[in-house]
Structures are given as structure tokens and as C-alpha cells.
Amino acid sequence: MPPPDSEPVTNRGQPAARALLALVLFGFGLWTLHDFLPALAWAGVFAIAVWPLYRRASRRFPPGRHNVLLPSVFTLGVALLFLVPVALVAVQLGREAHGVFEWIDNARKTGIPPPDWLSRIPLAGPEATTWWHNNLADRAAASELLRRIDERANWLTAGREFGSELLHRIVLFGFTLLTLFFLFREGTRIAAQLRRASQRAFGPSGERVGTQIIASVHGTVTGLVLVGLGEGLLLGIAYAIAGVSQPGLLGLLTAFAAMIPFGAPLLFGVAALLLLAQGAVLAAVAVLVFGMVVSFVADHFIRPALIGGATRLPFLWVLLGILGGIEAWGLLGLFLGPAILAALILLWREFTEGREALQETNR
């Protein structure tokens, strides 16, 4: 029999102390990683979006003992999905930069002649042409205008800030890819741990909320990314047919903008203005009408069906989740917003309708 002083001492305050310690450590952990939380969140979104394909590939090509090749291939594939379009845009912008600098140099020497379409503007055409001649066509006036723009823009400071921000984004993207590799590699084990933790902490509701969040991310990726790429492809073809300069680049930018609901009109509106500047009025109207039709169908029919079906949210809540998520979280909110609202709506339905009634409704 052990001596009395070696017996464990029970204290009713120990569970509360452990909970407080865990909460404090969790807070310190978040503070330690707060600069890298966006990278971790993006890695989680990418892993959830690509996980069905990864599971299918892992069943066809079973991983080896170290499980390095397949996670590396999928991580590289996700990286190329971003790096290739960015490289294409950068190359095209580099080509156009020479023309822009040459145009600025010519404007300083000879002024900026008014475009042909300016005089054809209804009502304001003659006044706009006169103003242009007085302020831009004259060499001295154009040179003074460009000088003022240079002074106000402060290109050196802007360049430093842009370079610093770009370096920060590159570092975060690198950590995102590194995290994504380990999520692919350890995804099954991590999912099992999260399932057990949610079961212990929240009971059956925890697993249901987690399942709903995953389904929401899948639906949002399909509804935003794939539909946006489809819009960009269709409008890029329309740009090429209408004769817009650089239709491939503008179509790619339209695809990125179209991933945000109601973002595509900004780009096909620019395309219509470029055609109007070239004097192609009918082509500009055609691009504008076609873009409005494509954007209307995508934003009001296809996206609500894809995202709302996965999140079980009405279109209004889907839209509020996306726009509110962007306002709160930036681009990451495109995926976090609908997922958070879907989880909240699920908990609300369980609270108001009961689990049994909700399960009957979802069948």
C-alpha cells in the first residue's frame, strides 16, 4: 500500500484549469501564426476542393511507404493552375509596357491627338474635341499634364510598396503550397482526428457541421471557379470575333473577374469601350449584349443551382455569404463566407426543427 503522501490529489478545479490553459495556449498559437493563417486557410480550401480527385488517384496508384510522389504531383498541379495564368499575364503586360512608354514619350514631344470617335459622341462630341485640342493635343499642355501625373503618382514609392507586397504574397503562396503538400500526405489521418475531436466536443452535430462546410467549399469552387472560367472562355471567343485587341489576355482577366458574382461586367464593359474607341459601334453593342446575357445566366441560374444545392442555402444567402465574405476576408471569403453561413443555417435548422425533422427533409 503506497504511503498517503503519494496518493493522487483530486481537485474539482482541475478541469476548468485545463480548459483555461488550453484556451490560453490556443490564443498564443493563433497569435504566433496570425501572419500565416491566410496561407493555411487557402491550403485547406485547395485540399478540400481537390481531395476527391486525389482520393481517386491514390486508389488507382497506391502511395508508397513515404507517400511523397502523389502529394508532390498534386501540389505541383495546383501551383501551375495559378503560375501559368500569372506568367501569361506578366509576359503580355511586359510586351505592352514598351508600347505604353513609347506612347508617353511621343505624347511629351508631339502631344496627344484626339481619337476619331470623340467627335461622334452625341451632344458632347464637339465640346469634348475642343477640350482635347486645348489640353492634350498641344505639346506643352500634354507634357505638363504628364509631369503632374508623375509627381502625384510618386512611382518610386509605389514601386517599392508593390515590390514589398509582391514578395509577401510570394512567401505566403510558398507556405500555402508547403502546407498543401502535407495536407495531401496526411489528409486521411487529419480527417480522422478532426472527426474524433468534433464528436467528443460537439457530439453528432460537430460531424454534420464539418460535412456541411466541406460540401459548401466543393459547391462554391464549382459555382465560382468553373463557372467563371466558362464565362471567360465564352467572352474571350466573343472578344476575338468582335476584333478586340488582345482577346486572350482580356478573356483571362474576365475569367478571374467572373469568379466574383457580377464581376464580369467590368471586363466586358472595358472590351466594349475599346471597340467603341476603335469606331466599331455594332461590335461594341454585340459584346455588351452577349456579355450581359452570359453573366445573367451564370449569376442567376447556374451559380445558384450549383452553390445553393451544395450549401442548401437560398440564392440571397449565397450572395450575402460571398459578398460579405469578400468584405471580411478578402478573396478567401469567396469560399469561407458561404461555408460559414451554411454551417450557421444548419445549426439553426437543427435548433428550430429538430434533428429528426431535418434529416427527413434532407433525404
Protein backbone atom coordinates (compact mmCIF):
# COMPACT_ATOMS: atom_id res chain seq x y z
CA MET A 1 0.00 0.00 0.00
CA PRO A 2 1.55 3.34 -1.07
CA PRO A 3 2.14 5.96 1.56
CA PRO A 4 -0.58 8.56 1.99
CA ASP A 5 1.51 11.39 0.60
CA SER A 6 1.87 9.59 -2.80
CA GLU A 7 -1.87 9.29 -3.43
CA PRO A 8 -3.15 11.47 -6.30
CA VAL A 9 -4.84 14.60 -5.12
CA THR A 10 -8.14 15.29 -6.80
CA ASN A 11 -9.22 18.84 -7.34
CA ARG A 12 -12.56 19.90 -8.69
CA GLY A 13 -10.95 22.93 -10.28
CA GLN A 14 -8.59 20.90 -12.47
CA PRO A 15 -10.95 20.56 -15.49
CA ALA A 16 -11.56 24.30 -15.50
CA ALA A 17 -7.83 24.94 -15.15
CA ARG A 18 -7.06 22.60 -18.04
CA ALA A 19 -9.70 24.30 -20.18
CA LEU A 20 -8.26 27.72 -19.33
CA LEU A 21 -4.74 26.53 -20.10
CA ALA A 22 -5.86 25.11 -23.42
CA LEU A 23 -7.66 28.36 -24.28
CA VAL A 24 -4.60 30.46 -23.40
CA LEU A 25 -2.28 28.23 -25.42
CA PHE A 26 -4.72 28.29 -28.33
CA GLY A 27 -4.74 32.09 -28.24
CA PHE A 28 -0.94 32.24 -28.16
CA GLY A 29 -0.82 29.76 -31.02
CA LEU A 30 -3.14 31.90 -33.14
CA TRP A 31 -1.07 34.98 -32.35
CA THR A 32 2.12 33.15 -33.31
CA LEU A 33 0.68 32.04 -36.65
CA HIS A 34 -1.54 35.03 -37.42
CA ASP A 35 0.60 36.15 -40.38
CA PHE A 36 0.36 32.67 -41.89
CA LEU A 37 -3.31 31.97 -41.20
CA PRO A 38 -4.38 33.07 -44.73
CA ALA A 39 -1.86 30.64 -46.24
CA LEU A 40 -3.13 27.82 -44.01
CA ALA A 41 -6.74 28.65 -44.87
CA TRP A 42 -6.02 28.72 -48.62
CA ALA A 43 -4.24 25.37 -48.33
CA GLY A 44 -7.32 23.96 -46.59
CA VAL A 45 -9.62 25.26 -49.32
CA PHE A 46 -7.42 23.82 -52.08
CA ALA A 47 -7.13 20.47 -50.29
CA ILE A 48 -10.91 20.19 -49.82
CA ALA A 49 -11.55 21.18 -53.46
CA VAL A 50 -9.05 18.70 -54.94
CA TRP A 51 -9.45 15.91 -52.38
CA PRO A 52 -11.94 13.77 -54.41
CA LEU A 53 -9.51 13.68 -57.35
CA TYR A 54 -6.63 12.92 -55.01
CA ARG A 55 -8.50 10.04 -53.38
CA ARG A 56 -9.36 8.62 -56.78
CA ALA A 57 -5.72 8.85 -57.87
CA SER A 58 -4.46 7.32 -54.61
CA ARG A 59 -6.78 4.31 -55.10
CA ARG A 60 -5.50 3.84 -58.64
CA PHE A 61 -1.85 4.45 -57.71
CA PRO A 62 -1.41 3.37 -54.07
CA PRO A 63 1.15 5.55 -52.26
CA GLY A 64 4.44 4.05 -51.24
CA ARG A 65 5.88 3.89 -47.80
CA HIS A 66 6.96 7.52 -47.74
CA ASN A 67 3.95 8.84 -49.71
CA VAL A 68 5.81 11.69 -51.41
CA LEU A 69 5.25 11.34 -55.17
CA LEU A 70 1.47 11.69 -55.38
CA PRO A 71 1.22 14.66 -52.96
CA SER A 72 4.05 16.35 -54.87
CA VAL A 73 2.30 15.86 -58.21
CA PHE A 74 -0.99 17.27 -56.98
CA THR A 75 0.71 20.19 -55.20
CA LEU A 76 2.61 21.00 -58.39
CA GLY A 77 -0.64 20.80 -60.37
CA VAL A 78 -2.34 23.31 -58.05
CA ALA A 79 0.69 25.59 -58.29
CA LEU A 80 0.65 25.51 -62.09
CA LEU A 81 -3.04 26.42 -62.13
CA PHE A 82 -2.00 29.78 -60.68
CA LEU A 83 1.51 30.25 -62.00
CA VAL A 84 0.74 29.65 -65.69
CA PRO A 85 -2.01 32.31 -65.99
CA VAL A 86 0.03 34.78 -63.93
CA ALA A 87 3.06 34.17 -66.15
CA LEU A 88 0.99 34.68 -69.30
CA VAL A 89 -0.42 37.95 -67.97
CA ALA A 90 3.04 39.13 -66.88
CA VAL A 91 4.57 38.37 -70.28
CA GLN A 92 1.77 40.15 -72.09
CA LEU A 93 1.97 43.17 -69.79
CA GLY A 94 5.72 43.28 -70.34
CA ARG A 95 5.18 43.40 -74.07
CA GLU A 96 2.60 46.14 -73.75
CA ALA A 97 4.77 48.18 -71.36
CA HIS A 98 7.19 49.08 -74.17
CA GLY A 99 4.33 50.44 -76.26
CA VAL A 100 2.99 52.43 -73.30
CA PHE A 101 6.37 54.06 -72.62
CA GLU A 102 6.80 54.83 -76.30
CA TRP A 103 3.32 56.41 -76.39
CA ILE A 104 4.16 58.56 -73.34
CA ASP A 105 7.40 59.71 -74.95
CA ASN A 106 5.61 60.65 -78.18
CA ALA A 107 2.93 62.46 -76.17
CA ARG A 108 5.60 64.58 -74.49
CA LYS A 109 7.11 65.51 -77.86
CA THR A 110 4.10 65.98 -80.10
CA GLY A 111 1.00 65.96 -77.88
CA ILE A 112 -1.89 63.51 -77.90
CA PRO A 113 -4.12 63.75 -80.98
CA PRO A 114 -7.85 63.31 -80.35
CA PRO A 115 -9.31 59.91 -81.35
CA ASP A 116 -11.71 59.75 -84.29
CA TRP A 117 -14.64 58.55 -82.19
CA LEU A 118 -14.50 61.53 -79.83
CA SER A 119 -16.28 63.87 -82.25
CA ARG A 120 -19.03 61.29 -82.83
CA ILE A 121 -20.20 61.31 -79.20
CA PRO A 122 -23.81 62.52 -79.19
CA LEU A 123 -24.34 66.07 -77.84
CA ALA A 124 -20.95 66.35 -76.10
CA GLY A 125 -18.74 65.46 -79.09
CA PRO A 126 -17.76 68.98 -80.25
CA GLU A 127 -17.11 70.25 -76.71
CA ALA A 128 -15.03 67.18 -75.86
CA THR A 129 -12.98 67.58 -79.04
CA THR A 130 -12.33 71.26 -78.31
CA TRP A 131 -11.23 70.46 -74.75
CA TRP A 132 -8.93 67.72 -76.04
CA HIS A 133 -7.28 70.10 -78.53
CA ASN A 134 -6.74 72.73 -75.86
CA ASN A 135 -5.40 70.41 -73.14
CA LEU A 136 -3.94 67.29 -74.74
CA ALA A 137 -3.21 67.87 -78.40
CA ASP A 138 -0.88 70.76 -77.59
CA ARG A 139 2.66 69.52 -76.88
CA ALA A 140 3.30 71.83 -73.93
CA ALA A 141 -0.09 71.11 -72.32
CA ALA A 142 0.32 67.34 -72.73
CA SER A 143 3.84 67.45 -71.30
CA GLU A 144 2.64 69.47 -68.30
CA LEU A 145 -0.24 67.03 -67.71
CA LEU A 146 2.08 64.03 -67.77
CA ARG A 147 4.50 65.83 -65.43
CA ARG A 148 1.73 66.42 -62.91
CA ILE A 149 0.70 62.77 -63.15
CA ASP A 150 4.29 61.71 -62.48
CA GLU A 151 4.51 63.97 -59.43
CA ARG A 152 1.23 62.81 -57.93
CA ALA A 153 1.79 59.13 -58.70
CA ASN A 154 5.22 59.02 -56.97
CA TRP A 155 6.23 55.98 -59.00
CA LEU A 156 9.32 55.21 -56.92
CA THR A 157 7.38 54.85 -53.67
CA ALA A 158 4.61 52.96 -55.42
CA GLY A 159 7.16 50.61 -56.96
CA ARG A 160 8.73 49.87 -53.59
CA GLU A 161 5.37 49.19 -51.99
CA PHE A 162 4.35 46.96 -54.88
CA GLY A 163 7.61 45.02 -54.69
CA SER A 164 7.26 44.53 -50.93
CA GLU A 165 3.65 43.38 -51.28
CA LEU A 166 4.57 41.06 -54.14
CA LEU A 167 7.37 39.47 -52.11
CA HIS A 168 4.96 38.98 -49.20
CA ARG A 169 2.42 37.30 -51.49
CA ILE A 170 5.09 35.01 -52.96
CA VAL A 171 6.18 33.90 -49.47
CA LEU A 172 2.57 33.22 -48.45
CA PHE A 173 1.99 31.27 -51.66
CA GLY A 174 5.08 29.18 -50.94
CA PHE A 175 3.80 28.36 -47.44
CA THR A 176 0.39 27.56 -48.92
CA LEU A 177 1.94 25.01 -51.26
CA LEU A 178 4.07 23.53 -48.48
CA THR A 179 1.00 23.19 -46.25
CA LEU A 180 -0.99 21.73 -49.13
CA PHE A 181 1.66 19.04 -49.67
CA PHE A 182 1.38 17.89 -46.05
CA LEU A 183 -2.42 18.05 -46.16
CA PHE A 184 -2.39 15.71 -49.15
CA ARG A 185 0.14 13.47 -47.49
CA GLU A 186 -1.55 13.29 -44.08
CA GLY A 187 -5.10 14.11 -45.15
CA THR A 188 -6.69 10.83 -44.13
CA ARG A 189 -5.16 10.88 -40.66
CA ILE A 190 -6.01 14.58 -40.15
CA ALA A 191 -9.62 14.00 -41.24
CA ALA A 192 -9.96 11.12 -38.76
CA GLN A 193 -8.54 13.24 -35.94
CA LEU A 194 -10.89 16.13 -36.74
CA ARG A 195 -13.84 13.74 -36.84
CA ARG A 196 -12.99 12.30 -33.42
CA ALA A 197 -12.36 15.76 -31.95
CA SER A 198 -15.68 17.14 -33.23
CA GLN A 199 -17.51 14.05 -31.95
CA ARG A 200 -16.04 14.45 -28.48
CA ALA A 201 -16.52 18.22 -28.33
CA PHE A 202 -19.88 18.72 -30.03
CA GLY A 203 -21.42 15.29 -30.50
CA PRO A 204 -23.13 14.31 -33.77
CA SER A 205 -23.72 17.97 -34.67
CA GLY A 206 -19.98 18.57 -34.99
CA GLU A 207 -19.56 16.00 -37.73
CA ARG A 208 -22.65 17.26 -39.55
CA VAL A 209 -21.35 20.83 -39.47
CA GLY A 210 -17.96 19.69 -40.77
CA THR A 211 -19.59 17.71 -43.57
CA GLN A 212 -21.71 20.73 -44.48
CA ILE A 213 -18.66 23.01 -44.59
CA ILE A 214 -16.81 20.61 -46.88
CA ALA A 215 -19.83 20.32 -49.19
CA SER A 216 -20.12 24.11 -49.23
CA VAL A 217 -16.49 24.54 -50.28
CA HIS A 218 -16.96 21.98 -53.07
CA GLY A 219 -20.10 23.71 -54.30
CA THR A 220 -18.51 27.15 -54.09
CA VAL A 221 -15.42 26.06 -56.02
CA THR A 222 -17.63 24.58 -58.73
CA GLY A 223 -20.01 27.51 -58.81
CA LEU A 224 -17.39 30.26 -58.74
CA VAL A 225 -14.20 28.92 -60.29
CA LEU A 226 -15.53 26.62 -63.00
CA VAL A 227 -18.41 28.91 -63.97
CA GLY A 228 -16.02 31.88 -64.01
CA LEU A 229 -13.65 30.02 -66.32
CA GLY A 230 -16.58 29.16 -68.58
CA GLU A 231 -17.65 32.81 -68.72
CA GLY A 232 -14.10 33.86 -69.53
CA LEU A 233 -13.87 31.29 -72.33
CA LEU A 234 -17.15 32.33 -73.95
CA LEU A 235 -16.43 36.04 -73.67
CA GLY A 236 -12.85 35.55 -74.87
CA ILE A 237 -14.21 33.93 -78.03
CA ALA A 238 -16.62 36.86 -78.38
CA TYR A 239 -13.73 39.32 -77.99
CA ALA A 240 -11.78 37.56 -80.73
CA ILE A 241 -14.74 37.54 -83.12
CA ALA A 242 -15.51 41.21 -82.42
CA GLY A 243 -11.91 42.24 -83.02
CA VAL A 244 -10.88 43.36 -79.54
CA SER A 245 -7.13 43.77 -79.18
CA GLN A 246 -5.51 41.08 -77.01
CA PRO A 247 -8.64 38.90 -76.72
CA GLY A 248 -6.79 36.09 -74.94
CA LEU A 249 -5.46 38.33 -72.18
CA LEU A 250 -8.78 40.12 -71.77
CA GLY A 251 -10.61 36.78 -71.71
CA LEU A 252 -8.28 35.50 -68.98
CA LEU A 253 -8.85 38.64 -66.89
CA THR A 254 -12.59 38.27 -67.49
CA ALA A 255 -12.44 34.69 -66.17
CA PHE A 256 -10.78 35.89 -62.95
CA ALA A 257 -13.27 38.73 -62.56
CA ALA A 258 -16.21 36.41 -63.32
CA MET A 259 -15.32 34.23 -60.33
CA ILE A 260 -16.86 37.03 -58.26
CA PRO A 261 -20.61 37.38 -58.87
CA PHE A 262 -21.35 40.40 -61.09
CA GLY A 263 -17.61 40.93 -61.66
CA ALA A 264 -17.59 40.04 -65.37
CA PRO A 265 -19.46 43.22 -66.49
CA LEU A 266 -16.43 45.29 -65.52
CA LEU A 267 -14.27 43.49 -68.05
CA PHE A 268 -16.65 43.07 -70.96
CA GLY A 269 -17.62 46.71 -70.37
CA VAL A 270 -13.94 47.61 -70.89
CA ALA A 271 -13.92 45.47 -74.04
CA ALA A 272 -16.98 47.32 -75.35
CA LEU A 273 -15.30 50.67 -74.64
CA LEU A 274 -12.17 49.56 -76.52
CA LEU A 275 -14.29 48.60 -79.53
CA LEU A 276 -16.13 51.90 -79.29
CA ALA A 277 -12.80 53.71 -79.27
CA GLN A 278 -11.91 51.90 -82.49
CA GLY A 279 -15.16 53.06 -84.07
CA ALA A 280 -16.73 49.56 -84.07
CA VAL A 281 -20.09 50.57 -82.60
CA LEU A 282 -22.03 47.46 -83.67
CA ALA A 283 -19.30 45.14 -82.37
CA ALA A 284 -19.24 47.03 -79.05
CA VAL A 285 -23.01 46.69 -78.67
CA ALA A 286 -22.83 42.99 -79.59
CA VAL A 287 -20.11 42.29 -77.00
CA LEU A 288 -22.04 44.22 -74.36
CA VAL A 289 -25.31 42.39 -75.04
CA PHE A 290 -23.66 38.97 -75.27
CA GLY A 291 -21.74 39.61 -72.05
CA MET A 292 -24.89 40.66 -70.22
CA VAL A 293 -26.69 37.52 -71.36
CA VAL A 294 -23.82 35.21 -70.32
CA SER A 295 -23.38 36.98 -66.98
CA PHE A 296 -27.12 36.97 -66.27
CA VAL A 297 -27.48 33.24 -66.95
CA ALA A 298 -24.37 32.38 -64.92
CA ASP A 299 -25.17 34.57 -61.91
CA HIS A 300 -28.92 33.95 -61.72
CA PHE A 301 -29.32 30.32 -62.78
CA ILE A 302 -26.11 28.24 -62.92
CA ARG A 303 -24.35 29.52 -59.80
CA PRO A 304 -27.39 29.45 -57.50
CA ALA A 305 -28.10 25.87 -58.60
CA LEU A 306 -24.52 24.69 -58.01
CA ILE A 307 -23.73 26.58 -54.81
CA GLY A 308 -27.23 26.54 -53.33
CA GLY A 309 -27.59 22.82 -53.98
CA ALA A 310 -24.38 22.05 -52.09
CA THR A 311 -24.84 24.55 -49.27
CA ARG A 312 -28.66 24.18 -49.04
CA LEU A 313 -28.86 27.97 -48.99
CA PRO A 314 -31.26 30.21 -50.90
CA PHE A 315 -29.67 32.41 -53.54
CA LEU A 316 -29.90 35.52 -51.34
CA TRP A 317 -27.89 33.86 -48.57
CA VAL A 318 -25.37 32.53 -51.10
CA LEU A 319 -24.90 36.04 -52.46
CA LEU A 320 -24.64 37.56 -48.99
CA GLY A 321 -22.15 34.89 -47.97
CA ILE A 322 -19.94 35.58 -50.98
CA LEU A 323 -20.05 39.38 -50.84
CA GLY A 324 -19.87 39.53 -47.04
CA GLY A 325 -17.04 37.02 -47.07
CA ILE A 326 -15.07 39.15 -49.53
CA GLU A 327 -15.64 42.21 -47.36
CA ALA A 328 -14.46 40.42 -44.23
CA TRP A 329 -11.79 38.01 -45.50
CA GLY A 330 -10.75 39.25 -48.94
CA LEU A 331 -10.64 36.70 -51.76
CA LEU A 332 -10.55 33.91 -49.20
CA GLY A 333 -14.07 34.98 -48.23
CA LEU A 334 -15.34 33.70 -51.58
CA PHE A 335 -15.17 30.23 -50.03
CA LEU A 336 -15.34 30.96 -46.30
CA GLY A 337 -18.46 33.13 -46.46
CA PRO A 338 -20.89 30.55 -47.92
CA ALA A 339 -19.36 27.79 -45.78
CA ILE A 340 -19.83 29.77 -42.55
CA LEU A 341 -23.41 30.72 -43.41
CA ALA A 342 -24.22 27.14 -44.42
CA ALA A 343 -22.96 25.89 -41.03
CA LEU A 344 -24.96 28.54 -39.19
CA ILE A 345 -28.14 27.73 -41.13
CA LEU A 346 -27.64 24.03 -40.40
CA LEU A 347 -27.35 24.70 -36.66
CA TRP A 348 -30.38 26.98 -36.79
CA ARG A 349 -32.47 24.33 -38.55
CA GLU A 350 -31.41 21.70 -36.04
CA PHE A 351 -32.37 24.05 -33.21
CA THR A 352 -35.75 25.04 -34.64
CA GLU A 353 -36.84 21.88 -36.47
CA GLY A 354 -35.06 19.15 -34.55
CA ARG A 355 -32.51 16.71 -35.87
CA GLU A 356 -35.06 14.10 -36.90
CA ALA A 357 -37.17 16.55 -38.92
CA LEU A 358 -34.04 17.97 -40.56
CA GLN A 359 -32.82 14.52 -41.52
CA GLU A 360 -36.20 13.72 -43.07
CA THR A 361 -36.10 16.99 -45.05
CA ASN A 362 -32.59 16.31 -46.39
CA ARG A 363 -33.43 12.85 -47.65
